[in-house]
Amino acid sequence: MSSASAPSRREFLAWVGLSLPALAALSAFARRAAAAGAPLATLTPAEARAMSAFAAQIFPAGELPGTADAEVLHFIDQGLGTYFGQMLDVVRAGLADLDARARAATPPAPDFAALPAPAQVATMKAVEQTQFFFVARMLTVMGMFADPSYGGNKDGVGWRLLGVEHEAVYQPPFGYYDAEDGR
């Protein structure tokens, strides 16, 4: 992926396709860490606060579960400490930038997480064309919808948002194309 700007969809999909085995291993590690109540290993407390607030704006909690319910922060922390380590500097700089923007806001806030939700969204919109935004959003989405047995998506909360029911074994017919064949 290019380092100057966010990668194209094609670059991202190629990267994901080549990365699936490593993503499964990362997710399993994150799941065990979250289940054990392990502290975050990579992000500092300030970075974790900013990342948690960022992720919560992508999938806010309310009537439906959000990123905290899915333990997305553990997935992101483990990812940045292992497989996504090459993205750590981009994420750290982006989180520091979010905090600096919060301190420059009127009225100033001590950090991004302390901003009210509308100000957080406005701050995120100001950086949405950056590589940081792409990476942070990608990690948030991955943590929200990963197979719960591998990490993130605790208890399948992300799947419930999509209306997906996980089955251990899928049986045909899978859709209209199988129903016509009588499977």
Protein backbone atom coordinates (compact mmCIF):
# COMPACT_ATOMS: atom_id res chain seq x y z
CA MET A 1 0.00 0.00 0.00
CA SER A 2 1.21 3.49 -0.69
CA SER A 3 2.48 5.50 2.24
CA ALA A 4 1.59 9.00 1.03
CA SER A 5 -2.17 8.57 0.85
CA ALA A 6 -4.90 6.08 1.52
CA PRO A 7 -4.67 2.99 -0.69
CA SER A 8 -7.19 2.36 -3.43
CA ARG A 9 -9.93 -0.22 -2.96
CA ARG A 10 -8.07 -2.55 -5.28
CA GLU A 11 -4.85 -2.25 -3.24
CA PHE A 12 -6.80 -2.78 -0.02
CA LEU A 13 -8.63 -5.87 -1.28
CA ALA A 14 -5.41 -7.39 -2.61
CA TRP A 15 -3.76 -6.74 0.75
CA VAL A 16 -6.67 -8.31 2.68
CA GLY A 17 -6.66 -11.38 0.44
CA LEU A 18 -2.98 -11.96 1.05
CA SER A 19 -3.32 -11.25 4.76
CA LEU A 20 -6.16 -13.55 5.83
CA PRO A 21 -4.02 -16.17 7.64
CA ALA A 22 -2.18 -13.51 9.61
CA LEU A 23 -5.46 -11.73 10.41
CA ALA A 24 -6.88 -14.95 11.84
CA ALA A 25 -3.83 -15.40 14.08
CA LEU A 26 -3.96 -11.76 15.19
CA SER A 27 -7.64 -12.01 16.00
CA ALA A 28 -7.16 -15.13 18.10
CA PHE A 29 -4.44 -13.39 20.09
CA ALA A 30 -6.64 -10.30 20.62
CA ARG A 31 -9.57 -12.47 21.72
CA ARG A 32 -7.47 -14.23 24.36
CA ALA A 33 -6.07 -10.92 25.64
CA ALA A 34 -9.51 -9.35 25.90
CA ALA A 35 -11.00 -12.43 27.58
CA ALA A 36 -8.19 -12.45 30.13
CA GLY A 37 -8.74 -8.76 30.87
CA ALA A 38 -5.17 -8.06 29.81
CA PRO A 39 -4.11 -4.42 29.68
CA LEU A 40 -3.41 -2.87 26.32
CA ALA A 41 0.06 -3.75 25.13
CA THR A 42 0.77 -1.23 22.37
CA LEU A 43 -1.27 1.94 22.74
CA THR A 44 -0.56 4.35 25.56
CA PRO A 45 -3.52 5.27 27.79
CA ALA A 46 -3.89 8.62 25.93
CA GLU A 47 -3.73 6.90 22.55
CA ALA A 48 -6.23 4.29 23.70
CA ARG A 49 -8.62 7.03 24.82
CA ALA A 50 -8.41 8.79 21.45
CA MET A 51 -8.67 5.53 19.47
CA SER A 52 -11.63 4.40 21.54
CA ALA A 53 -13.42 7.72 20.94
CA PHE A 54 -12.59 7.56 17.21
CA ALA A 55 -13.91 4.00 16.92
CA ALA A 56 -17.04 4.90 18.89
CA GLN A 57 -17.88 7.52 16.27
CA ILE A 58 -17.61 4.87 13.53
CA PHE A 59 -19.94 2.49 15.40
CA PRO A 60 -21.56 4.43 18.25
CA ALA A 61 -23.30 2.59 21.06
CA GLY A 62 -26.93 3.30 21.73
CA GLU A 63 -29.88 1.09 21.00
CA LEU A 64 -27.41 -1.09 19.11
CA PRO A 65 -24.03 -2.27 20.43
CA GLY A 66 -20.95 -0.22 19.67
CA THR A 67 -17.22 -0.75 19.51
CA ALA A 68 -16.79 -1.00 23.28
CA ASP A 69 -19.31 -3.85 23.36
CA ALA A 70 -17.35 -5.64 20.61
CA GLU A 71 -13.97 -5.04 22.34
CA VAL A 72 -12.64 -3.45 19.17
CA LEU A 73 -9.92 -1.56 21.06
CA HIS A 74 -8.21 -4.84 22.07
CA PHE A 75 -8.27 -5.99 18.44
CA ILE A 76 -6.71 -2.70 17.30
CA ASP A 77 -4.10 -2.68 20.09
CA GLN A 78 -3.01 -6.23 19.37
CA GLY A 79 -2.97 -5.56 15.64
CA LEU A 80 -0.77 -2.50 15.96
CA GLY A 81 1.59 -4.45 18.21
CA THR A 82 1.90 -7.36 15.80
CA TYR A 83 0.73 -7.73 12.24
CA PHE A 84 -0.14 -4.07 11.61
CA GLY A 85 3.01 -2.80 13.32
CA GLN A 86 4.09 -0.98 10.14
CA MET A 87 1.00 1.20 10.60
CA LEU A 88 1.70 2.09 14.23
CA ASP A 89 3.55 5.33 13.46
CA VAL A 90 0.72 6.51 11.19
CA VAL A 91 -1.87 5.73 13.86
CA ARG A 92 0.17 7.32 16.66
CA ALA A 93 0.70 10.51 14.64
CA GLY A 94 -2.99 10.60 13.72
CA LEU A 95 -4.15 10.14 17.30
CA ALA A 96 -1.75 12.88 18.46
CA ASP A 97 -3.14 15.12 15.70
CA LEU A 98 -6.71 14.48 16.90
CA ASP A 99 -5.69 15.45 20.43
CA ALA A 100 -3.88 18.58 19.17
CA ARG A 101 -6.95 19.59 17.17
CA ALA A 102 -9.08 19.17 20.30
CA ARG A 103 -6.75 21.45 22.28
CA ALA A 104 -6.95 24.02 19.46
CA ALA A 105 -10.76 23.89 19.35
CA THR A 106 -12.98 26.63 20.71
CA PRO A 107 -13.49 26.01 23.58
CA PRO A 108 -10.40 23.87 23.97
CA ALA A 109 -10.64 20.31 25.25
CA PRO A 110 -7.82 18.39 26.95
CA ASP A 111 -7.97 15.70 24.27
CA PHE A 112 -10.05 14.32 21.40
CA ALA A 113 -12.02 11.97 23.67
CA ALA A 114 -13.18 14.94 25.79
CA LEU A 115 -14.79 16.70 22.82
CA PRO A 116 -18.57 16.42 22.52
CA ALA A 117 -19.69 13.94 19.84
CA PRO A 118 -20.51 16.59 17.18
CA ALA A 119 -17.04 18.13 17.59
CA GLN A 120 -15.43 14.69 17.37
CA VAL A 121 -17.25 14.04 14.10
CA ALA A 122 -16.21 17.44 12.72
CA THR A 123 -12.60 16.75 13.69
CA MET A 124 -12.74 13.35 12.02
CA LYS A 125 -14.18 14.88 8.85
CA ALA A 126 -11.22 17.27 8.77
CA VAL A 127 -8.83 14.29 8.56
CA GLU A 128 -10.91 11.81 6.57
CA GLN A 129 -8.66 12.01 3.48
CA THR A 130 -5.54 11.01 5.42
CA GLN A 131 -3.83 7.66 5.66
CA PHE A 132 -4.47 7.72 9.42
CA PHE A 133 -8.23 7.90 8.91
CA PHE A 134 -8.16 5.04 6.42
CA VAL A 135 -6.08 2.80 8.70
CA ALA A 136 -7.99 3.64 11.90
CA ARG A 137 -11.36 3.10 10.22
CA MET A 138 -10.16 -0.15 8.60
CA LEU A 139 -8.97 -1.51 11.96
CA THR A 140 -12.26 -0.47 13.58
CA VAL A 141 -14.34 -2.23 10.95
CA MET A 142 -12.17 -5.35 11.09
CA GLY A 143 -12.49 -5.47 14.88
CA MET A 144 -16.24 -4.95 14.72
CA PHE A 145 -17.00 -7.72 12.24
CA ALA A 146 -14.24 -10.32 12.73
CA ASP A 147 -15.30 -13.83 13.60
CA PRO A 148 -15.74 -13.68 17.41
CA SER A 149 -13.68 -16.83 17.84
CA TYR A 150 -10.73 -14.94 16.38
CA GLY A 151 -11.06 -11.59 18.15
CA GLY A 152 -13.14 -8.45 18.17
CA ASN A 153 -16.87 -8.72 17.56
CA LYS A 154 -17.37 -10.04 21.10
CA ASP A 155 -20.40 -12.30 21.32
CA GLY A 156 -21.18 -11.55 17.66
CA VAL A 157 -22.44 -8.01 18.35
CA GLY A 158 -21.16 -6.80 14.97
CA TRP A 159 -22.99 -9.58 13.19
CA ARG A 160 -26.21 -8.68 14.99
CA LEU A 161 -25.88 -5.18 13.56
CA LEU A 162 -25.89 -6.77 10.10
CA GLY A 163 -28.62 -9.29 10.90
CA VAL A 164 -26.22 -12.19 10.29
CA GLU A 165 -26.74 -15.44 12.14
CA HIS A 166 -23.57 -17.44 12.57
CA GLU A 167 -23.94 -21.16 11.95
CA ALA A 168 -21.19 -23.65 12.61
CA VAL A 169 -22.01 -25.44 9.35
CA TYR A 170 -23.89 -23.90 6.46
CA GLN A 171 -26.28 -26.12 4.50
CA PRO A 172 -27.69 -25.54 1.03
CA PRO A 173 -29.71 -23.93 -0.29
CA PHE A 174 -27.54 -20.85 0.21
CA GLY A 175 -29.72 -18.64 -1.95
CA TYR A 176 -32.04 -18.49 -4.91
CA TYR A 177 -29.42 -20.12 -7.16
CA ASP A 178 -29.35 -23.30 -5.05
CA ALA A 179 -33.11 -23.43 -4.51
CA GLU A 180 -33.67 -23.74 -8.26
CA ASP A 181 -31.38 -26.77 -8.40
CA GLY A 182 -33.33 -28.50 -5.65
CA ARG A 183 -30.38 -28.64 -3.28
